[in-house]
Amino acid sequence: MRAVATMMENHHKVQVLDEALEASVKLSHRYIPARQLPDKSVSLLDTACARVAISQFAVPAEVDDSRKRIAALETELKIIGKEKPIEGRPADLIKPQLKDLKKEAQRLGILKKEEDLITYALNPNVAPKFLRGELKEEALPAVKPDPAPVPAPSRTEFQVDVDGELFNVRIYPVSGTLSIKDISTIPAEKTSPKDQKGAVLSPMQGMVLRLLVKPGDKVEKGKPVAVLEAMKMEMSVESPHAGQVREIFVFESEMINAGDLLMIIH
């Protein structure tokens, strides 16, 4: 790895420390079981060197954010420089209207108190008829009475056998009617595929990279049957027991969640 590190430094123009070499070997051995050393450690080190080299030429996020803020502030300064400053109150620019409204209300003969002037100022179209009493009161919709409560049905008595001892039970339904069914006629719930014997479940969320078996193959306990990939790391799924592959429920390149059923081996 130290001989390869020199080539990495010359190619990517970065410095590779001994700590990075040790970490590439340990981490690749731990998280990439589907590949062999030193191939997987060299690949991991090459990816890390490439990312460091790219970051040296890219603008840091903090600097980029600061440049954008400076550009926004400069744009605001240019806009503010073109606007004229407000030298007085905006309300002073509004033409007085209260005197004209008072004269108009007096001419219409609807001004009897000060509140009438405010009513006319807020609703000049409706206020004259309202203050003269010409508007009729709108009829409110009739309120429908609440429906009468449904009388409770008569009680039903049963005898329940618990471990050979009889108990008298009375049942009062809260609403509706009481329905009794024979549980022996109700079909039993179907067993979920995940609960079937020999189910092989996904240990993590990711993508099915490869299927190493097919229906009908015989496998030994601990033999890899599939390879999953997540965050560019591969993980082998081993058979929990020996048996024959009965059915496969996933396909390659399919995205799966942790706990999904991969196949059944028994």
C-alpha atoms as a PDB file:
ATOM      1  CA  MET A   1       0.000   0.000   0.000  1.00  0.00           C
ATOM      2  CA  ARG A   2       2.893   2.400   0.688  1.00  0.00           C
ATOM      3  CA  ALA A   3       4.205   1.824  -2.840  1.00  0.00           C
ATOM      4  CA  VAL A   4       0.739   2.575  -4.230  1.00  0.00           C
ATOM      5  CA  ALA A   5       0.460   5.673  -2.027  1.00  0.00           C
ATOM      6  CA  THR A   6       3.360   7.314  -3.902  1.00  0.00           C
ATOM      7  CA  MET A   7       1.543   6.844  -7.205  1.00  0.00           C
ATOM      8  CA  MET A   8      -1.651   8.246  -5.684  1.00  0.00           C
ATOM      9  CA  GLU A   9       0.169  11.346  -4.447  1.00  0.00           C
ATOM     10  CA  ASN A  10       1.732  12.031  -7.866  1.00  0.00           C
ATOM     11  CA  HIS A  11      -1.530  11.460  -9.721  1.00  0.00           C
ATOM     12  CA  HIS A  12      -3.951  13.366  -7.472  1.00  0.00           C
ATOM     13  CA  LYS A  13      -1.445  15.969  -6.191  1.00  0.00           C
ATOM     14  CA  VAL A  14      -2.294  15.240  -2.561  1.00  0.00           C
ATOM     15  CA  GLN A  15      -0.416  13.930   0.477  1.00  0.00           C
ATOM     16  CA  VAL A  16      -1.290  10.441   1.757  1.00  0.00           C
ATOM     17  CA  LEU A  17      -0.521   9.809   5.442  1.00  0.00           C
ATOM     18  CA  ASP A  18       0.181   6.435   7.054  1.00  0.00           C
ATOM     19  CA  GLU A  19      -3.053   6.815   9.023  1.00  0.00           C
ATOM     20  CA  ALA A  20      -4.968   6.924   5.739  1.00  0.00           C
ATOM     21  CA  LEU A  21      -3.276   3.712   4.549  1.00  0.00           C
ATOM     22  CA  GLU A  22      -4.152   1.873   7.751  1.00  0.00           C
ATOM     23  CA  ALA A  23      -7.742   3.169   7.665  1.00  0.00           C
ATOM     24  CA  SER A  24      -8.219   2.106   4.029  1.00  0.00           C
ATOM     25  CA  VAL A  25      -7.181  -1.461   4.851  1.00  0.00           C
ATOM     26  CA  LYS A  26      -9.237  -1.743   8.060  1.00  0.00           C
ATOM     27  CA  LEU A  27     -12.414  -0.107   6.724  1.00  0.00           C
ATOM     28  CA  SER A  28     -12.411  -1.921   3.384  1.00  0.00           C
ATOM     29  CA  HIS A  29     -11.904  -5.255   5.172  1.00  0.00           C
ATOM     30  CA  ARG A  30     -14.804  -4.477   7.512  1.00  0.00           C
ATOM     31  CA  TYR A  31     -17.384  -2.988   5.121  1.00  0.00           C
ATOM     32  CA  ILE A  32     -16.568  -4.510   1.691  1.00  0.00           C
ATOM     33  CA  PRO A  33     -16.592  -8.291   2.298  1.00  0.00           C
ATOM     34  CA  ALA A  34     -17.436  -9.160  -1.319  1.00  0.00           C
ATOM     35  CA  ARG A  35     -14.008  -8.056  -2.617  1.00  0.00           C
ATOM     36  CA  GLN A  36     -10.461  -9.064  -1.738  1.00  0.00           C
ATOM     37  CA  LEU A  37      -7.470  -7.180  -0.361  1.00  0.00           C
ATOM     38  CA  PRO A  38      -5.519  -5.259  -1.524  1.00  0.00           C
ATOM     39  CA  ASP A  39      -7.877  -4.469  -4.426  1.00  0.00           C
ATOM     40  CA  LYS A  40     -10.645  -3.021  -2.272  1.00  0.00           C
ATOM     41  CA  SER A  41      -8.269  -0.963  -0.091  1.00  0.00           C
ATOM     42  CA  VAL A  42      -6.583   0.529  -3.193  1.00  0.00           C
ATOM     43  CA  SER A  43      -9.999   1.416  -4.657  1.00  0.00           C
ATOM     44  CA  LEU A  44     -11.074   3.029  -1.400  1.00  0.00           C
ATOM     45  CA  LEU A  45      -7.865   5.056  -1.133  1.00  0.00           C
ATOM     46  CA  ASP A  46      -8.152   6.196  -4.771  1.00  0.00           C
ATOM     47  CA  THR A  47     -11.722   7.438  -4.159  1.00  0.00           C
ATOM     48  CA  ALA A  48     -10.655   9.329  -1.040  1.00  0.00           C
ATOM     49  CA  CYS A  49      -7.703  10.983  -2.835  1.00  0.00           C
ATOM     50  CA  ALA A  50      -9.955  12.032  -5.720  1.00  0.00           C
ATOM     51  CA  ARG A  51     -12.446  13.679  -3.365  1.00  0.00           C
ATOM     52  CA  VAL A  52      -9.683  15.576  -1.565  1.00  0.00           C
ATOM     53  CA  ALA A  53      -8.193  16.731  -4.877  1.00  0.00           C
ATOM     54  CA  ILE A  54     -11.565  18.005  -6.107  1.00  0.00           C
ATOM     55  CA  SER A  55     -12.187  19.863  -2.836  1.00  0.00           C
ATOM     56  CA  GLN A  56      -8.910  21.774  -3.250  1.00  0.00           C
ATOM     57  CA  PHE A  57     -10.122  23.377  -6.476  1.00  0.00           C
ATOM     58  CA  ALA A  58     -13.766  23.879  -5.459  1.00  0.00           C
ATOM     59  CA  VAL A  59     -14.905  27.033  -3.677  1.00  0.00           C
ATOM     60  CA  PRO A  60     -15.741  26.295  -0.007  1.00  0.00           C
ATOM     61  CA  ALA A  61     -19.428  26.515   0.834  1.00  0.00           C
ATOM     62  CA  GLU A  62     -18.857  29.284   3.420  1.00  0.00           C
ATOM     63  CA  VAL A  63     -17.004  31.452   0.910  1.00  0.00           C
ATOM     64  CA  ASP A  64     -19.664  30.865  -1.749  1.00  0.00           C
ATOM     65  CA  ASP A  65     -22.453  31.843   0.680  1.00  0.00           C
ATOM     66  CA  SER A  66     -20.577  34.997   1.694  1.00  0.00           C
ATOM     67  CA  ARG A  67     -20.132  36.028  -1.947  1.00  0.00           C
ATOM     68  CA  LYS A  68     -23.839  35.570  -2.620  1.00  0.00           C
ATOM     69  CA  ARG A  69     -24.756  37.679   0.427  1.00  0.00           C
ATOM     70  CA  ILE A  70     -22.383  40.450  -0.673  1.00  0.00           C
ATOM     71  CA  ALA A  71     -23.892  40.432  -4.170  1.00  0.00           C
ATOM     72  CA  ALA A  72     -27.426  40.626  -2.724  1.00  0.00           C
ATOM     73  CA  LEU A  73     -26.481  43.549  -0.455  1.00  0.00           C
ATOM     74  CA  GLU A  74     -24.873  45.412  -3.357  1.00  0.00           C
ATOM     75  CA  THR A  75     -28.071  44.953  -5.399  1.00  0.00           C
ATOM     76  CA  GLU A  76     -30.148  46.327  -2.505  1.00  0.00           C
ATOM     77  CA  LEU A  77     -27.858  49.366  -2.230  1.00  0.00           C
ATOM     78  CA  LYS A  78     -28.301  50.104  -5.940  1.00  0.00           C
ATOM     79  CA  ILE A  79     -32.105  49.866  -5.637  1.00  0.00           C
ATOM     80  CA  ILE A  80     -32.189  52.078  -2.527  1.00  0.00           C
ATOM     81  CA  GLY A  81     -29.979  54.665  -4.229  1.00  0.00           C
ATOM     82  CA  LYS A  82     -32.568  55.140  -6.990  1.00  0.00           C
ATOM     83  CA  GLU A  83     -35.496  55.692  -4.597  1.00  0.00           C
ATOM     84  CA  LYS A  84     -36.418  59.105  -3.212  1.00  0.00           C
ATOM     85  CA  PRO A  85     -36.410  59.410   0.591  1.00  0.00           C
ATOM     86  CA  ILE A  86     -39.774  59.915   2.324  1.00  0.00           C
ATOM     87  CA  GLU A  87     -39.702  63.369   3.894  1.00  0.00           C
ATOM     88  CA  GLY A  88     -43.106  63.295   5.579  1.00  0.00           C
ATOM     89  CA  ARG A  89     -45.835  60.977   6.819  1.00  0.00           C
ATOM     90  CA  PRO A  90     -47.598  58.925   4.100  1.00  0.00           C
ATOM     91  CA  ALA A  91     -50.920  59.799   5.752  1.00  0.00           C
ATOM     92  CA  ASP A  92     -50.324  63.492   5.001  1.00  0.00           C
ATOM     93  CA  LEU A  93     -50.590  62.706   1.275  1.00  0.00           C
ATOM     94  CA  ILE A  94     -54.184  61.434   1.645  1.00  0.00           C
ATOM     95  CA  LYS A  95     -56.871  63.998   0.916  1.00  0.00           C
ATOM     96  CA  PRO A  96     -59.189  64.632   3.932  1.00  0.00           C
ATOM     97  CA  GLN A  97     -62.577  62.994   3.363  1.00  0.00           C
ATOM     98  CA  LEU A  98     -64.371  63.195   6.715  1.00  0.00           C
ATOM     99  CA  LYS A  99     -65.756  66.722   6.176  1.00  0.00           C
ATOM    100  CA  ASP A 100     -67.114  65.814   2.742  1.00  0.00           C
ATOM    101  CA  LEU A 101     -68.717  62.625   4.100  1.00  0.00           C
ATOM    102  CA  LYS A 102     -70.329  64.587   6.945  1.00  0.00           C
ATOM    103  CA  LYS A 103     -71.857  67.079   4.524  1.00  0.00           C
ATOM    104  CA  GLU A 104     -73.126  64.263   2.302  1.00  0.00           C
ATOM    105  CA  ALA A 105     -74.645  62.446   5.322  1.00  0.00           C
ATOM    106  CA  GLN A 106     -76.382  65.632   6.468  1.00  0.00           C
ATOM    107  CA  ARG A 107     -77.775  66.170   2.969  1.00  0.00           C
ATOM    108  CA  LEU A 108     -79.192  62.630   2.956  1.00  0.00           C
ATOM    109  CA  GLY A 109     -80.697  63.188   6.418  1.00  0.00           C
ATOM    110  CA  ILE A 110     -79.151  60.112   8.013  1.00  0.00           C
ATOM    111  CA  LEU A 111     -76.794  61.776  10.497  1.00  0.00           C
ATOM    112  CA  LYS A 112     -78.371  61.599  13.967  1.00  0.00           C
ATOM    113  CA  LYS A 113     -75.320  60.712  16.060  1.00  0.00           C
ATOM    114  CA  GLU A 114     -71.554  60.405  15.653  1.00  0.00           C
ATOM    115  CA  GLU A 115     -71.705  56.619  15.145  1.00  0.00           C
ATOM    116  CA  ASP A 116     -73.912  57.173  12.064  1.00  0.00           C
ATOM    117  CA  LEU A 117     -71.081  59.078  10.368  1.00  0.00           C
ATOM    118  CA  ILE A 118     -68.667  56.176  10.969  1.00  0.00           C
ATOM    119  CA  THR A 119     -71.241  53.711   9.635  1.00  0.00           C
ATOM    120  CA  TYR A 120     -71.726  55.793   6.502  1.00  0.00           C
ATOM    121  CA  ALA A 121     -67.946  56.162   5.989  1.00  0.00           C
ATOM    122  CA  LEU A 122     -67.403  52.400   6.200  1.00  0.00           C
ATOM    123  CA  ASN A 123     -70.443  51.350   4.116  1.00  0.00           C
ATOM    124  CA  PRO A 124     -71.520  54.250   1.893  1.00  0.00           C
ATOM    125  CA  ASN A 125     -73.710  52.044  -0.333  1.00  0.00           C
ATOM    126  CA  VAL A 126     -75.728  50.241   2.367  1.00  0.00           C
ATOM    127  CA  ALA A 127     -75.619  52.733   5.255  1.00  0.00           C
ATOM    128  CA  PRO A 128     -78.297  55.192   3.920  1.00  0.00           C
ATOM    129  CA  LYS A 129     -81.003  52.488   3.695  1.00  0.00           C
ATOM    130  CA  PHE A 130     -79.904  50.960   7.002  1.00  0.00           C
ATOM    131  CA  LEU A 131     -79.970  54.267   8.902  1.00  0.00           C
ATOM    132  CA  ARG A 132     -83.385  55.167   7.424  1.00  0.00           C
ATOM    133  CA  GLY A 133     -84.782  51.805   8.496  1.00  0.00           C
ATOM    134  CA  GLU A 134     -85.559  50.726   4.936  1.00  0.00           C
ATOM    135  CA  LEU A 135     -83.701  47.434   5.139  1.00  0.00           C
ATOM    136  CA  LYS A 136     -85.691  44.438   6.290  1.00  0.00           C
ATOM    137  CA  GLU A 137     -84.265  41.981   8.733  1.00  0.00           C
ATOM    138  CA  GLU A 138     -83.138  38.806   7.099  1.00  0.00           C
ATOM    139  CA  ALA A 139     -84.849  35.681   8.307  1.00  0.00           C
ATOM    140  CA  LEU A 140     -82.540  33.234   9.948  1.00  0.00           C
ATOM    141  CA  PRO A 141     -82.668  29.635   8.727  1.00  0.00           C
ATOM    142  CA  ALA A 142     -84.702  27.374  10.923  1.00  0.00           C
ATOM    143  CA  VAL A 143     -82.664  25.230  13.221  1.00  0.00           C
ATOM    144  CA  LYS A 144     -83.470  21.565  12.842  1.00  0.00           C
ATOM    145  CA  PRO A 145     -83.943  19.782  16.145  1.00  0.00           C
ATOM    146  CA  ASP A 146     -81.548  17.028  17.048  1.00  0.00           C
ATOM    147  CA  PRO A 147     -82.805  13.587  16.142  1.00  0.00           C
ATOM    148  CA  ALA A 148     -84.367  11.670  18.962  1.00  0.00           C
ATOM    149  CA  PRO A 149     -82.026   9.168  20.551  1.00  0.00           C
ATOM    150  CA  VAL A 150     -82.446   5.615  19.374  1.00  0.00           C
ATOM    151  CA  PRO A 151     -83.744   3.455  22.192  1.00  0.00           C
ATOM    152  CA  ALA A 152     -81.304   0.852  23.341  1.00  0.00           C
ATOM    153  CA  PRO A 153     -82.141  -2.683  22.256  1.00  0.00           C
ATOM    154  CA  SER A 154     -83.169  -5.222  24.773  1.00  0.00           C
ATOM    155  CA  ARG A 155     -80.384  -6.924  26.617  1.00  0.00           C
ATOM    156  CA  THR A 156     -79.062 -10.308  25.533  1.00  0.00           C
ATOM    157  CA  GLU A 157     -77.937 -12.941  27.990  1.00  0.00           C
ATOM    158  CA  PHE A 158     -75.343 -15.618  27.319  1.00  0.00           C
ATOM    159  CA  GLN A 159     -73.628 -18.412  29.166  1.00  0.00           C
ATOM    160  CA  VAL A 160     -69.858 -18.520  28.675  1.00  0.00           C
ATOM    161  CA  ASP A 161     -67.830 -21.652  29.452  1.00  0.00           C
ATOM    162  CA  VAL A 162     -64.357 -20.819  30.818  1.00  0.00           C
ATOM    163  CA  ASP A 163     -62.250 -23.872  31.686  1.00  0.00           C
ATOM    164  CA  GLY A 164     -65.327 -25.919  32.470  1.00  0.00           C
ATOM    165  CA  GLU A 165     -66.992 -23.208  34.605  1.00  0.00           C
ATOM    166  CA  LEU A 166     -70.164 -21.488  33.355  1.00  0.00           C
ATOM    167  CA  PHE A 167     -70.647 -17.718  33.640  1.00  0.00           C
ATOM    168  CA  ASN A 168     -73.827 -15.724  32.895  1.00  0.00           C
ATOM    169  CA  VAL A 169     -72.993 -12.718  30.661  1.00  0.00           C
ATOM    170  CA  ARG A 170     -75.253  -9.811  29.633  1.00  0.00           C
ATOM    171  CA  ILE A 171     -74.346  -7.778  26.538  1.00  0.00           C
ATOM    172  CA  TYR A 172     -75.616  -4.227  25.855  1.00  0.00           C
ATOM    173  CA  PRO A 173     -74.670  -2.823  22.396  1.00  0.00           C
ATOM    174  CA  VAL A 174     -73.704   0.865  22.502  1.00  0.00           C
ATOM    175  CA  SER A 175     -75.267   1.703  19.102  1.00  0.00           C
ATOM    176  CA  GLY A 176     -76.742  -0.124  16.135  1.00  0.00           C
ATOM    177  CA  THR A 177     -77.583  -3.787  16.310  1.00  0.00           C
ATOM    178  CA  LEU A 178     -75.900  -6.763  17.850  1.00  0.00           C
ATOM    179  CA  SER A 179     -74.493  -9.402  15.499  1.00  0.00           C
ATOM    180  CA  ILE A 180     -73.115 -12.754  16.616  1.00  0.00           C
ATOM    181  CA  LYS A 181     -71.083 -15.004  14.356  1.00  0.00           C
ATOM    182  CA  ASP A 182     -69.700 -18.494  14.761  1.00  0.00           C
ATOM    183  CA  ILE A 183     -65.909 -18.097  14.859  1.00  0.00           C
ATOM    184  CA  SER A 184     -65.480 -21.593  13.499  1.00  0.00           C
ATOM    185  CA  THR A 185     -66.766 -20.377  10.106  1.00  0.00           C
ATOM    186  CA  ILE A 186     -64.311 -17.455   9.917  1.00  0.00           C
ATOM    187  CA  PRO A 187     -61.287 -18.384   7.744  1.00  0.00           C
ATOM    188  CA  ALA A 188     -57.917 -18.224   9.468  1.00  0.00           C
ATOM    189  CA  GLU A 189     -55.567 -15.399   8.552  1.00  0.00           C
ATOM    190  CA  LYS A 190     -52.964 -16.215   5.967  1.00  0.00           C
ATOM    191  CA  THR A 191     -49.384 -16.427   7.142  1.00  0.00           C
ATOM    192  CA  SER A 192     -47.200 -13.581   5.943  1.00  0.00           C
ATOM    193  CA  PRO A 193     -44.320 -14.684   3.654  1.00  0.00           C
ATOM    194  CA  LYS A 194     -41.920 -13.110   6.144  1.00  0.00           C
ATOM    195  CA  ASP A 195     -43.165 -15.519   8.844  1.00  0.00           C
ATOM    196  CA  GLN A 196     -42.737 -18.620   6.695  1.00  0.00           C
ATOM    197  CA  LYS A 197     -40.111 -21.184   7.573  1.00  0.00           C
ATOM    198  CA  GLY A 198     -36.792 -20.538   5.861  1.00  0.00           C
ATOM    199  CA  ALA A 199     -37.427 -16.849   5.093  1.00  0.00           C
ATOM    200  CA  VAL A 200     -34.253 -14.836   4.334  1.00  0.00           C
ATOM    201  CA  LEU A 201     -34.746 -11.128   5.150  1.00  0.00           C
ATOM    202  CA  SER A 202     -32.757  -8.086   4.093  1.00  0.00           C
ATOM    203  CA  PRO A 203     -30.483  -6.844   6.919  1.00  0.00           C
ATOM    204  CA  MET A 204     -30.437  -3.238   5.621  1.00  0.00           C
ATOM    205  CA  GLN A 205     -31.919  -0.757   3.187  1.00  0.00           C
ATOM    206  CA  GLY A 206     -30.287  -0.543  -0.223  1.00  0.00           C
ATOM    207  CA  MET A 207     -30.175  -2.088  -3.700  1.00  0.00           C
ATOM    208  CA  VAL A 208     -29.932  -5.737  -4.736  1.00  0.00           C
ATOM    209  CA  LEU A 209     -26.596  -5.734  -6.549  1.00  0.00           C
ATOM    210  CA  ARG A 210     -26.359  -9.451  -7.376  1.00  0.00           C
ATOM    211  CA  LEU A 211     -28.304 -12.657  -6.774  1.00  0.00           C
ATOM    212  CA  LEU A 212     -25.892 -15.543  -6.280  1.00  0.00           C
ATOM    213  CA  VAL A 213     -28.495 -18.345  -6.368  1.00  0.00           C
ATOM    214  CA  LYS A 214     -31.614 -19.283  -8.291  1.00  0.00           C
ATOM    215  CA  PRO A 215     -34.695 -21.349  -7.434  1.00  0.00           C
ATOM    216  CA  GLY A 216     -33.809 -25.015  -7.027  1.00  0.00           C
ATOM    217  CA  ASP A 217     -30.181 -24.446  -5.948  1.00  0.00           C
ATOM    218  CA  LYS A 218     -28.973 -26.204  -2.819  1.00  0.00           C
ATOM    219  CA  VAL A 219     -27.002 -24.042  -0.405  1.00  0.00           C
ATOM    220  CA  GLU A 220     -25.031 -24.652   2.777  1.00  0.00           C
ATOM    221  CA  LYS A 221     -25.353 -22.692   5.981  1.00  0.00           C
ATOM    222  CA  GLY A 222     -23.306 -19.458   5.801  1.00  0.00           C
ATOM    223  CA  LYS A 223     -23.033 -19.477   1.994  1.00  0.00           C
ATOM    224  CA  PRO A 224     -23.591 -16.018   0.376  1.00  0.00           C
ATOM    225  CA  VAL A 225     -26.871 -15.944  -1.539  1.00  0.00           C
ATOM    226  CA  ALA A 226     -27.078 -12.245  -2.478  1.00  0.00           C
ATOM    227  CA  VAL A 227     -25.034  -9.025  -2.463  1.00  0.00           C
ATOM    228  CA  LEU A 228     -26.619  -5.724  -1.366  1.00  0.00           C
ATOM    229  CA  GLU A 229     -25.238  -2.226  -1.918  1.00  0.00           C
ATOM    230  CA  ALA A 230     -25.837   0.896   0.173  1.00  0.00           C
ATOM    231  CA  MET A 231     -23.811   4.132   0.250  1.00  0.00           C
ATOM    232  CA  LYS A 232     -21.427   2.578  -2.331  1.00  0.00           C
ATOM    233  CA  MET A 233     -20.622  -0.229   0.103  1.00  0.00           C
ATOM    234  CA  GLU A 234     -21.370  -3.880  -0.603  1.00  0.00           C
ATOM    235  CA  MET A 235     -22.696  -6.409   1.899  1.00  0.00           C
ATOM    236  CA  SER A 236     -23.146 -10.149   1.439  1.00  0.00           C
ATOM    237  CA  VAL A 237     -26.318 -11.865   2.662  1.00  0.00           C
ATOM    238  CA  GLU A 238     -25.556 -15.371   3.909  1.00  0.00           C
ATOM    239  CA  SER A 239     -27.954 -18.293   4.200  1.00  0.00           C
ATOM    240  CA  PRO A 240     -28.961 -18.773   7.857  1.00  0.00           C
ATOM    241  CA  HIS A 241     -29.279 -22.536   7.332  1.00  0.00           C
ATOM    242  CA  ALA A 242     -28.703 -25.279   4.779  1.00  0.00           C
ATOM    243  CA  GLY A 243     -31.466 -26.147   2.346  1.00  0.00           C
ATOM    244  CA  GLN A 244     -32.867 -25.604  -1.132  1.00  0.00           C
ATOM    245  CA  VAL A 245     -33.912 -22.266  -2.630  1.00  0.00           C
ATOM    246  CA  ARG A 246     -37.697 -22.493  -3.021  1.00  0.00           C
ATOM    247  CA  GLU A 247     -38.588 -19.000  -4.242  1.00  0.00           C
ATOM    248  CA  ILE A 248     -36.896 -15.606  -4.806  1.00  0.00           C
ATOM    249  CA  PHE A 249     -38.968 -12.455  -4.248  1.00  0.00           C
ATOM    250  CA  VAL A 250     -36.535  -9.746  -5.493  1.00  0.00           C
ATOM    251  CA  PHE A 251     -34.567  -9.010  -8.640  1.00  0.00           C
ATOM    252  CA  GLU A 252     -31.210  -7.365  -9.321  1.00  0.00           C
ATOM    253  CA  SER A 253     -31.129  -3.528  -9.185  1.00  0.00           C
ATOM    254  CA  GLU A 254     -34.322  -3.488  -7.070  1.00  0.00           C
ATOM    255  CA  MET A 255     -34.460  -1.047  -4.135  1.00  0.00           C
ATOM    256  CA  ILE A 256     -35.410  -2.759  -0.865  1.00  0.00           C
ATOM    257  CA  ASN A 257     -35.904  -1.836   2.793  1.00  0.00           C
ATOM    258  CA  ALA A 258     -34.551  -3.469   5.913  1.00  0.00           C
ATOM    259  CA  GLY A 259     -36.629  -6.533   6.773  1.00  0.00           C
ATOM    260  CA  ASP A 260     -37.917  -7.155   3.229  1.00  0.00           C
ATOM    261  CA  LEU A 261     -38.233 -10.797   2.178  1.00  0.00           C
ATOM    262  CA  LEU A 262     -35.464 -11.815  -0.218  1.00  0.00           C
ATOM    263  CA  MET A 263     -36.042 -15.550  -0.648  1.00  0.00           C
ATOM    264  CA  ILE A 264     -37.142 -18.742   1.056  1.00  0.00           C
ATOM    265  CA  ILE A 265     -34.653 -21.536   1.734  1.00  0.00           C
ATOM    266  CA  HIS A 266     -35.725 -24.775   3.395  1.00  0.00           C
END
